[in-house]
């Protein structure tokens, strides 16, 4: 069943003028992971306009998106498609319709690390994610290679102004709650 209010909801949630899309396909053509998507990016936007709420919120596409913003940069109507996909992820999780929870969980761990240290602490984030998935050794060889090459450190590299960072995240949270 089509939900014609979905477009309004998504334009409000994302702050983007989704209805301005005229299906030029530039977002899809530029996407580096389009081959792994069940719906092409331009189709997701079209389905939002058509009110295909369930189809969009349960799609694999919004979770496959790398958030590289190539689609957003290529859009001739300045629609931040990556931001729209992020808003879709949030709604899907809120409504428990997510097709893929791994990406969302990793994003949460990533942001927890940034809030705590000011930048990503890879080991902590990956270990939390691996414990959650109960997949401890699936890519251990790659992880060891990164550690040996100095791409991941054991200890976090905290920023100096952690108090300022904490205040910044507090302002963002206040804005989200009030806005």
N, C-alpha and C. Protein backbone atom coordinates (compact mmCIF):
# COMPACT_ATOMS: atom_id res chain seq x y z
N UNK A 1 0.85 -1.18 0.00
CA UNK A 1 0.00 0.00 0.00
C UNK A 1 0.89 1.25 0.00
N UNK A 2 0.56 2.17 -0.86
CA UNK A 2 1.34 3.40 -0.97
C UNK A 2 0.99 4.37 0.15
N UNK A 3 2.02 5.00 0.68
CA UNK A 3 1.87 5.98 1.75
C UNK A 3 2.30 7.32 1.18
N UNK A 4 1.33 8.11 0.73
CA UNK A 4 1.65 9.35 0.06
C UNK A 4 2.20 10.42 1.01
N UNK A 5 2.11 10.21 2.30
CA UNK A 5 2.69 11.15 3.25
C UNK A 5 4.18 10.87 3.47
N UNK A 6 4.65 9.76 2.92
CA UNK A 6 6.05 9.36 3.11
C UNK A 6 7.02 10.40 2.55
N UNK A 7 6.69 10.96 1.39
CA UNK A 7 7.55 11.99 0.80
C UNK A 7 7.70 13.17 1.75
N UNK A 8 6.59 13.67 2.29
CA UNK A 8 6.65 14.79 3.24
C UNK A 8 7.47 14.44 4.47
N UNK A 9 7.25 13.25 4.99
CA UNK A 9 8.00 12.80 6.16
C UNK A 9 9.50 12.76 5.87
N UNK A 10 9.87 12.24 4.70
CA UNK A 10 11.27 12.12 4.35
C UNK A 10 11.91 13.48 4.05
N UNK A 11 11.18 14.37 3.43
CA UNK A 11 11.74 15.71 3.19
C UNK A 11 11.97 16.43 4.51
N UNK A 12 11.06 16.23 5.47
CA UNK A 12 11.24 16.85 6.78
C UNK A 12 12.39 16.19 7.54
N UNK A 13 12.45 14.86 7.53
CA UNK A 13 13.49 14.12 8.28
C UNK A 13 14.89 14.38 7.74
N UNK A 14 14.99 14.53 6.41
CA UNK A 14 16.31 14.69 5.79
C UNK A 14 16.67 16.15 5.54
N UNK A 15 15.65 17.02 5.46
CA UNK A 15 15.91 18.41 5.12
C UNK A 15 16.23 18.59 3.64
N UNK A 16 15.94 17.58 2.84
CA UNK A 16 16.25 17.60 1.41
C UNK A 16 14.97 17.70 0.58
N UNK A 17 15.06 18.37 -0.56
CA UNK A 17 13.92 18.52 -1.48
C UNK A 17 13.90 17.32 -2.42
N UNK A 18 13.49 16.17 -1.89
CA UNK A 18 13.48 14.91 -2.63
C UNK A 18 12.59 15.00 -3.86
N UNK A 19 11.51 15.73 -3.76
CA UNK A 19 10.57 15.85 -4.88
C UNK A 19 11.19 16.55 -6.08
N UNK A 20 12.36 17.18 -5.89
CA UNK A 20 13.06 17.84 -7.00
C UNK A 20 13.81 16.89 -7.90
N UNK A 21 13.87 15.61 -7.54
CA UNK A 21 14.59 14.62 -8.35
C UNK A 21 13.84 14.37 -9.66
N UNK A 22 14.56 14.47 -10.79
CA UNK A 22 13.93 14.17 -12.08
C UNK A 22 14.53 12.93 -12.73
N UNK A 23 15.09 12.04 -11.89
CA UNK A 23 15.52 10.72 -12.32
C UNK A 23 16.56 10.76 -13.45
N UNK A 24 17.62 11.51 -13.23
CA UNK A 24 18.69 11.61 -14.23
C UNK A 24 19.66 10.43 -14.14
N UNK A 25 19.58 9.66 -13.07
CA UNK A 25 20.40 8.45 -12.87
C UNK A 25 21.85 8.74 -12.48
N UNK A 26 22.24 9.99 -12.32
CA UNK A 26 23.65 10.30 -12.01
C UNK A 26 24.09 9.69 -10.69
N UNK A 27 23.19 9.63 -9.71
CA UNK A 27 23.53 9.03 -8.42
C UNK A 27 23.85 7.55 -8.59
N UNK A 28 23.05 6.88 -9.37
CA UNK A 28 23.25 5.45 -9.60
C UNK A 28 24.51 5.18 -10.40
N UNK A 29 24.71 5.95 -11.45
CA UNK A 29 25.87 5.75 -12.32
C UNK A 29 27.18 5.94 -11.55
N UNK A 30 27.21 6.86 -10.60
CA UNK A 30 28.44 7.13 -9.86
C UNK A 30 28.66 6.26 -8.63
N UNK A 31 27.68 5.49 -8.23
CA UNK A 31 27.77 4.72 -6.99
C UNK A 31 28.77 3.57 -7.10
N UNK A 32 29.76 3.52 -6.20
CA UNK A 32 30.76 2.45 -6.27
C UNK A 32 30.27 1.09 -5.81
N UNK A 33 29.12 1.02 -5.13
CA UNK A 33 28.63 -0.27 -4.64
C UNK A 33 27.25 -0.62 -5.20
N UNK A 34 26.88 -0.01 -6.30
CA UNK A 34 25.56 -0.23 -6.87
C UNK A 34 25.31 -1.70 -7.21
N UNK A 35 26.35 -2.43 -7.55
CA UNK A 35 26.19 -3.85 -7.91
C UNK A 35 25.68 -4.69 -6.73
N UNK A 36 25.90 -4.20 -5.50
CA UNK A 36 25.47 -4.94 -4.31
C UNK A 36 24.11 -4.49 -3.79
N UNK A 37 23.47 -3.57 -4.48
CA UNK A 37 22.19 -3.02 -4.01
C UNK A 37 21.01 -3.76 -4.64
N UNK A 38 19.93 -3.86 -3.88
CA UNK A 38 18.72 -4.47 -4.43
C UNK A 38 17.86 -3.42 -5.15
N UNK A 39 18.01 -2.16 -4.79
CA UNK A 39 17.33 -1.06 -5.48
C UNK A 39 18.40 -0.02 -5.83
N UNK A 40 18.39 0.47 -7.03
CA UNK A 40 19.35 1.51 -7.40
C UNK A 40 19.00 2.80 -6.66
N UNK A 41 20.00 3.64 -6.35
CA UNK A 41 19.74 4.87 -5.60
C UNK A 41 18.64 5.75 -6.19
N UNK A 42 18.65 5.93 -7.51
CA UNK A 42 17.60 6.78 -8.11
C UNK A 42 16.21 6.17 -7.92
N UNK A 43 16.14 4.84 -7.86
CA UNK A 43 14.85 4.17 -7.65
C UNK A 43 14.37 4.37 -6.20
N UNK A 44 15.31 4.36 -5.25
CA UNK A 44 14.94 4.61 -3.85
C UNK A 44 14.27 5.98 -3.75
N UNK A 45 14.89 6.96 -4.39
CA UNK A 45 14.32 8.32 -4.37
C UNK A 45 12.94 8.32 -5.03
N UNK A 46 12.82 7.63 -6.14
CA UNK A 46 11.52 7.56 -6.83
C UNK A 46 10.48 6.87 -5.97
N UNK A 47 10.86 5.78 -5.31
CA UNK A 47 9.91 5.07 -4.45
C UNK A 47 9.48 5.92 -3.26
N UNK A 48 10.35 6.79 -2.79
CA UNK A 48 9.95 7.72 -1.72
C UNK A 48 8.85 8.64 -2.25
N UNK A 49 9.05 9.19 -3.45
CA UNK A 49 8.07 10.09 -4.07
C UNK A 49 6.74 9.37 -4.28
N UNK A 50 6.81 8.09 -4.65
CA UNK A 50 5.60 7.31 -4.91
C UNK A 50 4.94 6.78 -3.63
N UNK A 51 5.60 6.98 -2.49
CA UNK A 51 5.02 6.53 -1.23
C UNK A 51 5.23 5.06 -0.92
N UNK A 52 6.23 4.45 -1.52
CA UNK A 52 6.51 3.02 -1.31
C UNK A 52 7.35 2.83 -0.04
N UNK A 53 6.76 3.18 1.08
CA UNK A 53 7.44 3.18 2.37
C UNK A 53 8.08 1.84 2.71
N UNK A 54 7.32 0.76 2.69
CA UNK A 54 7.83 -0.56 3.08
C UNK A 54 8.96 -1.02 2.17
N UNK A 55 8.79 -0.81 0.89
CA UNK A 55 9.81 -1.22 -0.08
C UNK A 55 11.14 -0.55 0.21
N UNK A 56 11.10 0.73 0.54
CA UNK A 56 12.32 1.50 0.79
C UNK A 56 12.92 1.16 2.15
N UNK A 57 12.10 1.14 3.20
CA UNK A 57 12.63 0.91 4.55
C UNK A 57 13.17 -0.49 4.77
N UNK A 58 12.70 -1.46 3.99
CA UNK A 58 13.18 -2.83 4.14
C UNK A 58 14.23 -3.20 3.08
N UNK A 59 14.64 -2.22 2.29
CA UNK A 59 15.62 -2.53 1.23
C UNK A 59 17.02 -2.69 1.79
N UNK A 60 17.79 -3.48 1.10
CA UNK A 60 19.20 -3.69 1.43
C UNK A 60 20.02 -2.46 1.05
N UNK A 61 19.55 -1.70 0.09
CA UNK A 61 20.28 -0.58 -0.47
C UNK A 61 20.70 0.46 0.57
N UNK A 62 19.79 0.85 1.45
CA UNK A 62 20.13 1.90 2.41
C UNK A 62 21.22 1.46 3.37
N UNK A 63 21.42 0.15 3.50
CA UNK A 63 22.46 -0.39 4.38
C UNK A 63 23.74 -0.68 3.61
N UNK A 64 23.62 -0.86 2.32
CA UNK A 64 24.80 -1.11 1.48
C UNK A 64 25.55 0.18 1.21
N UNK A 65 24.85 1.29 1.22
CA UNK A 65 25.43 2.60 0.96
C UNK A 65 26.64 2.85 1.86
N UNK A 66 27.73 3.29 1.27
CA UNK A 66 28.98 3.56 2.00
C UNK A 66 29.02 4.95 2.62
N UNK A 67 28.03 5.79 2.29
CA UNK A 67 28.03 7.18 2.75
C UNK A 67 29.25 7.93 2.21
N UNK A 68 29.68 7.57 1.01
CA UNK A 68 30.84 8.24 0.38
C UNK A 68 30.43 9.57 -0.25
N UNK A 69 29.15 9.84 -0.35
CA UNK A 69 28.51 11.03 -0.88
C UNK A 69 28.76 11.29 -2.37
N UNK A 70 29.23 10.30 -3.10
CA UNK A 70 29.40 10.45 -4.55
C UNK A 70 28.07 10.80 -5.19
N UNK A 71 27.02 10.13 -4.76
CA UNK A 71 25.68 10.39 -5.31
C UNK A 71 25.25 11.83 -5.06
N UNK A 72 25.52 12.30 -3.86
CA UNK A 72 25.13 13.66 -3.48
C UNK A 72 25.89 14.70 -4.29
N UNK A 73 27.17 14.47 -4.50
CA UNK A 73 28.01 15.41 -5.26
C UNK A 73 27.57 15.45 -6.72
N UNK A 74 27.16 14.31 -7.27
CA UNK A 74 26.77 14.23 -8.67
C UNK A 74 25.38 14.77 -8.96
N UNK A 75 24.55 14.93 -7.93
CA UNK A 75 23.16 15.31 -8.13
C UNK A 75 23.04 16.75 -8.66
N UNK A 76 22.43 16.93 -9.83
CA UNK A 76 22.29 18.29 -10.39
C UNK A 76 21.29 19.15 -9.63
N UNK A 77 20.48 18.53 -8.77
CA UNK A 77 19.50 19.27 -7.98
C UNK A 77 19.94 19.46 -6.54
N UNK A 78 21.22 19.17 -6.27
CA UNK A 78 21.79 19.34 -4.93
C UNK A 78 21.02 18.59 -3.84
N UNK A 79 20.51 17.41 -4.17
CA UNK A 79 19.88 16.56 -3.17
C UNK A 79 21.00 15.74 -2.52
N UNK A 80 21.12 15.83 -1.22
CA UNK A 80 22.12 15.05 -0.50
C UNK A 80 21.53 13.66 -0.29
N UNK A 81 21.70 12.81 -1.28
CA UNK A 81 21.10 11.48 -1.29
C UNK A 81 21.66 10.63 -0.15
N UNK A 82 22.94 10.75 0.12
CA UNK A 82 23.53 10.00 1.22
C UNK A 82 22.85 10.37 2.54
N UNK A 83 22.53 11.63 2.70
CA UNK A 83 21.84 12.09 3.91
C UNK A 83 20.41 11.52 3.96
N UNK A 84 19.77 11.44 2.81
CA UNK A 84 18.43 10.84 2.74
C UNK A 84 18.52 9.37 3.17
N UNK A 85 19.55 8.67 2.69
CA UNK A 85 19.73 7.26 3.06
C UNK A 85 19.97 7.13 4.57
N UNK A 86 20.72 8.05 5.13
CA UNK A 86 20.96 8.02 6.57
C UNK A 86 19.64 8.21 7.33
N UNK A 87 18.82 9.14 6.87
CA UNK A 87 17.51 9.36 7.50
C UNK A 87 16.64 8.11 7.37
N UNK A 88 16.72 7.44 6.21
CA UNK A 88 15.97 6.20 6.02
C UNK A 88 16.43 5.12 7.00
N UNK A 89 17.74 5.03 7.20
CA UNK A 89 18.28 4.05 8.16
C UNK A 89 17.70 4.30 9.55
N UNK A 90 17.68 5.55 9.96
CA UNK A 90 17.19 5.89 11.30
C UNK A 90 15.71 5.52 11.45
N UNK A 91 14.92 5.80 10.43
CA UNK A 91 13.49 5.47 10.48
C UNK A 91 13.32 3.95 10.49
N UNK A 92 14.08 3.24 9.66
CA UNK A 92 13.98 1.78 9.60
C UNK A 92 14.31 1.15 10.95
N UNK A 93 15.34 1.65 11.61
CA UNK A 93 15.71 1.12 12.93
C UNK A 93 14.62 1.44 13.95
N UNK A 94 14.14 2.67 13.92
CA UNK A 94 13.09 3.09 14.87
C UNK A 94 11.85 2.22 14.72
N UNK A 95 11.52 1.87 13.48
CA UNK A 95 10.32 1.07 13.21
C UNK A 95 10.63 -0.42 13.15
N UNK A 96 11.85 -0.81 13.46
CA UNK A 96 12.31 -2.20 13.44
C UNK A 96 12.03 -2.87 12.09
N UNK A 97 12.36 -2.17 11.03
CA UNK A 97 12.18 -2.68 9.68
C UNK A 97 13.50 -2.84 8.95
N UNK A 98 14.61 -2.69 9.69
CA UNK A 98 15.90 -2.71 9.04
C UNK A 98 16.18 -4.09 8.43
N UNK A 99 16.64 -4.05 7.18
CA UNK A 99 17.00 -5.28 6.48
C UNK A 99 18.37 -5.75 6.93
N UNK A 100 19.14 -4.86 7.49
CA UNK A 100 20.54 -5.13 7.83
C UNK A 100 20.86 -4.38 9.13
N UNK A 101 21.25 -5.09 10.17
CA UNK A 101 21.55 -4.42 11.43
C UNK A 101 23.04 -4.26 11.66
N UNK A 102 23.88 -4.99 10.96
CA UNK A 102 25.32 -4.92 11.17
C UNK A 102 25.86 -3.51 10.93
N UNK A 103 25.46 -2.89 9.86
CA UNK A 103 25.94 -1.56 9.53
C UNK A 103 25.56 -0.57 10.62
N UNK A 104 24.32 -0.63 11.06
CA UNK A 104 23.83 0.29 12.08
C UNK A 104 24.60 0.10 13.38
N UNK A 105 24.80 -1.15 13.77
CA UNK A 105 25.52 -1.45 15.01
C UNK A 105 26.95 -0.94 14.92
N UNK A 106 27.62 -1.18 13.79
CA UNK A 106 29.00 -0.71 13.63
C UNK A 106 29.04 0.82 13.68
N UNK A 107 28.10 1.48 13.02
CA UNK A 107 28.03 2.95 13.06
C UNK A 107 27.92 3.45 14.50
N UNK A 108 27.11 2.76 15.31
CA UNK A 108 26.96 3.17 16.71
C UNK A 108 28.29 3.03 17.46
N UNK A 109 28.97 1.93 17.28
CA UNK A 109 30.26 1.72 17.93
C UNK A 109 31.29 2.74 17.45
N UNK A 110 31.26 3.05 16.17
CA UNK A 110 32.16 4.04 15.59
C UNK A 110 31.96 5.39 16.28
N UNK A 111 30.70 5.83 16.35
CA UNK A 111 30.41 7.13 16.95
C UNK A 111 30.70 7.14 18.46
N UNK A 112 30.46 6.02 19.14
CA UNK A 112 30.82 5.94 20.56
C UNK A 112 32.31 6.19 20.74
N UNK A 113 33.12 5.61 19.87
CA UNK A 113 34.57 5.78 19.94
C UNK A 113 34.96 7.23 19.69
N UNK A 114 34.35 7.86 18.70
CA UNK A 114 34.66 9.26 18.39
C UNK A 114 34.24 10.16 19.55
N UNK A 115 33.08 9.89 20.14
CA UNK A 115 32.64 10.69 21.29
C UNK A 115 33.60 10.55 22.47
N UNK A 116 34.11 9.36 22.65
CA UNK A 116 34.99 9.08 23.79
C UNK A 116 36.41 9.60 23.60
N UNK A 117 36.96 9.43 22.40
CA UNK A 117 38.37 9.72 22.16
C UNK A 117 38.63 10.93 21.26
N UNK A 118 37.60 11.35 20.52
CA UNK A 118 37.80 12.45 19.58
C UNK A 118 38.16 11.95 18.19
N UNK A 119 38.46 10.69 18.08
CA UNK A 119 38.74 10.03 16.80
C UNK A 119 38.50 8.55 17.01
N UNK A 120 38.55 7.81 15.93
CA UNK A 120 38.28 6.37 15.99
C UNK A 120 39.42 5.62 16.67
N UNK A 121 39.08 4.80 17.66
CA UNK A 121 40.02 3.84 18.23
C UNK A 121 39.62 2.49 17.63
N UNK A 122 40.35 2.09 16.60
CA UNK A 122 39.98 0.94 15.78
C UNK A 122 39.82 -0.35 16.58
N UNK A 123 40.82 -0.67 17.42
CA UNK A 123 40.79 -1.93 18.16
C UNK A 123 39.54 -2.03 19.03
N UNK A 124 39.27 -0.98 19.79
CA UNK A 124 38.10 -0.97 20.67
C UNK A 124 36.81 -1.16 19.86
N UNK A 125 36.69 -0.42 18.77
CA UNK A 125 35.47 -0.47 17.96
C UNK A 125 35.29 -1.84 17.33
N UNK A 126 36.34 -2.37 16.75
CA UNK A 126 36.25 -3.69 16.10
C UNK A 126 35.97 -4.78 17.13
N UNK A 127 36.62 -4.72 18.28
CA UNK A 127 36.37 -5.74 19.31
C UNK A 127 34.93 -5.70 19.80
N UNK A 128 34.40 -4.51 20.02
CA UNK A 128 32.99 -4.41 20.44
C UNK A 128 32.06 -5.00 19.39
N UNK A 129 32.35 -4.70 18.14
CA UNK A 129 31.54 -5.21 17.03
C UNK A 129 31.65 -6.73 16.93
N UNK A 130 32.86 -7.25 17.03
CA UNK A 130 33.09 -8.70 16.93
C UNK A 130 32.42 -9.45 18.09
N UNK A 131 32.47 -8.89 19.28
CA UNK A 131 31.81 -9.51 20.43
C UNK A 131 30.30 -9.56 20.20
N UNK A 132 29.75 -8.47 19.70
CA UNK A 132 28.31 -8.41 19.40
C UNK A 132 27.92 -9.49 18.39
N UNK A 133 28.73 -9.65 17.34
CA UNK A 133 28.43 -10.63 16.28
C UNK A 133 28.83 -12.06 16.64
N UNK A 134 29.65 -12.20 17.70
CA UNK A 134 30.20 -13.50 18.09
C UNK A 134 30.99 -14.12 16.94
N UNK A 135 31.71 -13.27 16.23
CA UNK A 135 32.57 -13.68 15.12
C UNK A 135 33.97 -13.15 15.43
N UNK A 136 34.71 -13.90 16.20
CA UNK A 136 35.97 -13.41 16.73
C UNK A 136 37.15 -13.53 15.76
N UNK A 137 37.12 -14.51 14.88
CA UNK A 137 38.30 -14.77 14.06
C UNK A 137 38.05 -14.68 12.56
N UNK A 138 36.88 -14.21 12.14
CA UNK A 138 36.52 -14.17 10.73
C UNK A 138 37.50 -13.42 9.85
N UNK A 139 38.03 -12.34 10.33
CA UNK A 139 38.99 -11.56 9.54
C UNK A 139 40.22 -11.20 10.38
N UNK A 140 40.59 -12.13 11.27
CA UNK A 140 41.73 -11.91 12.16
C UNK A 140 43.04 -11.72 11.38
N UNK A 141 43.19 -12.44 10.29
CA UNK A 141 44.42 -12.33 9.49
C UNK A 141 44.59 -10.90 8.96
N UNK A 142 43.52 -10.34 8.45
CA UNK A 142 43.56 -8.97 7.94
C UNK A 142 43.86 -8.00 9.10
N UNK A 143 43.20 -8.20 10.24
CA UNK A 143 43.43 -7.35 11.39
C UNK A 143 44.87 -7.38 11.87
N UNK A 144 45.46 -8.56 11.90
CA UNK A 144 46.86 -8.70 12.31
C UNK A 144 47.77 -7.97 11.33
N UNK A 145 47.46 -8.08 10.04
CA UNK A 145 48.24 -7.38 9.02
C UNK A 145 48.19 -5.87 9.22
N UNK A 146 47.01 -5.35 9.53
CA UNK A 146 46.87 -3.91 9.78
C UNK A 146 47.64 -3.50 11.02
N UNK A 147 47.59 -4.34 12.05
CA UNK A 147 48.31 -4.05 13.29
C UNK A 147 49.82 -4.03 13.04
N UNK A 148 50.31 -5.03 12.34
CA UNK A 148 51.75 -5.14 12.05
C UNK A 148 52.24 -3.95 11.22
N UNK A 149 51.42 -3.49 10.29
CA UNK A 149 51.80 -2.35 9.44
C UNK A 149 51.58 -1.00 10.13
N UNK A 150 51.11 -1.04 11.37
CA UNK A 150 50.93 0.21 12.13
C UNK A 150 49.66 0.96 11.77
N UNK A 151 48.72 0.31 11.12
CA UNK A 151 47.47 0.96 10.74
C UNK A 151 46.44 0.95 11.86
N UNK A 152 46.68 0.11 12.88
CA UNK A 152 45.82 0.05 14.07
C UNK A 152 46.73 -0.02 15.28
N UNK A 153 46.45 0.81 16.25
CA UNK A 153 47.23 0.79 17.48
C UNK A 153 46.43 0.19 18.62
N UNK A 154 47.11 -0.28 19.62
CA UNK A 154 46.44 -0.86 20.78
C UNK A 154 45.79 0.24 21.62
N UNK A 155 46.51 1.31 21.84
CA UNK A 155 46.01 2.40 22.67
C UNK A 155 45.33 3.47 21.83
N UNK A 156 44.30 4.11 22.39
CA UNK A 156 43.64 5.18 21.65
C UNK A 156 44.52 6.43 21.57
N UNK A 157 44.28 7.22 20.55
CA UNK A 157 44.95 8.51 20.41
C UNK A 157 43.90 9.58 20.69
N UNK A 158 43.80 9.97 21.95
CA UNK A 158 42.79 10.95 22.36
C UNK A 158 43.17 12.35 21.89
N UNK A 159 42.15 13.12 21.54
CA UNK A 159 42.41 14.53 21.22
C UNK A 159 42.62 15.29 22.52
N UNK A 160 43.22 16.45 22.42
CA UNK A 160 43.52 17.25 23.62
C UNK A 160 42.27 17.86 24.24
N UNK A 161 41.39 18.40 23.41
CA UNK A 161 40.22 19.12 23.92
C UNK A 161 39.00 18.20 24.02
N UNK A 162 39.08 17.20 24.88
CA UNK A 162 37.96 16.27 25.03
C UNK A 162 36.76 16.93 25.68
N UNK A 163 37.01 17.95 26.52
CA UNK A 163 35.90 18.69 27.14
C UNK A 163 35.11 19.43 26.05
N UNK A 164 35.82 20.07 25.13
CA UNK A 164 35.17 20.76 24.02
C UNK A 164 34.41 19.79 23.13
N UNK A 165 34.97 18.62 22.92
CA UNK A 165 34.30 17.58 22.13
C UNK A 165 32.99 17.16 22.80
N UNK A 166 33.05 16.94 24.09
CA UNK A 166 31.86 16.55 24.85
C UNK A 166 30.78 17.64 24.74
N UNK A 167 31.19 18.89 24.83
CA UNK A 167 30.24 20.01 24.69
C UNK A 167 29.62 20.05 23.30
N UNK A 168 30.45 19.78 22.28
CA UNK A 168 29.95 19.77 20.90
C UNK A 168 28.89 18.68 20.71
N UNK A 169 29.14 17.48 21.20
CA UNK A 169 28.16 16.41 21.09
C UNK A 169 26.90 16.73 21.88
N UNK A 170 27.04 17.39 23.01
CA UNK A 170 25.88 17.79 23.81
C UNK A 170 25.02 18.78 23.03
N UNK A 171 25.68 19.75 22.37
CA UNK A 171 24.91 20.72 21.55
C UNK A 171 24.19 20.03 20.40
N UNK A 172 24.85 19.06 19.79
CA UNK A 172 24.21 18.32 18.70
C UNK A 172 23.00 17.54 19.19
N UNK A 173 23.14 16.90 20.35
CA UNK A 173 22.02 16.16 20.93
C UNK A 173 20.87 17.10 21.29
N UNK A 174 21.19 18.25 21.88
CA UNK A 174 20.17 19.23 22.23
C UNK A 174 19.43 19.72 21.00
N UNK A 175 20.19 19.94 19.91
CA UNK A 175 19.59 20.40 18.66
C UNK A 175 18.67 19.34 18.08
N UNK A 176 19.10 18.07 18.15
CA UNK A 176 18.29 16.97 17.62
C UNK A 176 17.00 16.83 18.40
N UNK A 177 17.07 16.96 19.73
CA UNK A 177 15.89 16.82 20.59
C UNK A 177 14.97 18.01 20.38
N UNK A 178 15.52 19.21 20.30
CA UNK A 178 14.70 20.42 20.16
C UNK A 178 14.25 20.67 18.74
N UNK A 179 14.99 20.14 17.74
CA UNK A 179 14.70 20.46 16.34
C UNK A 179 13.99 19.41 15.69
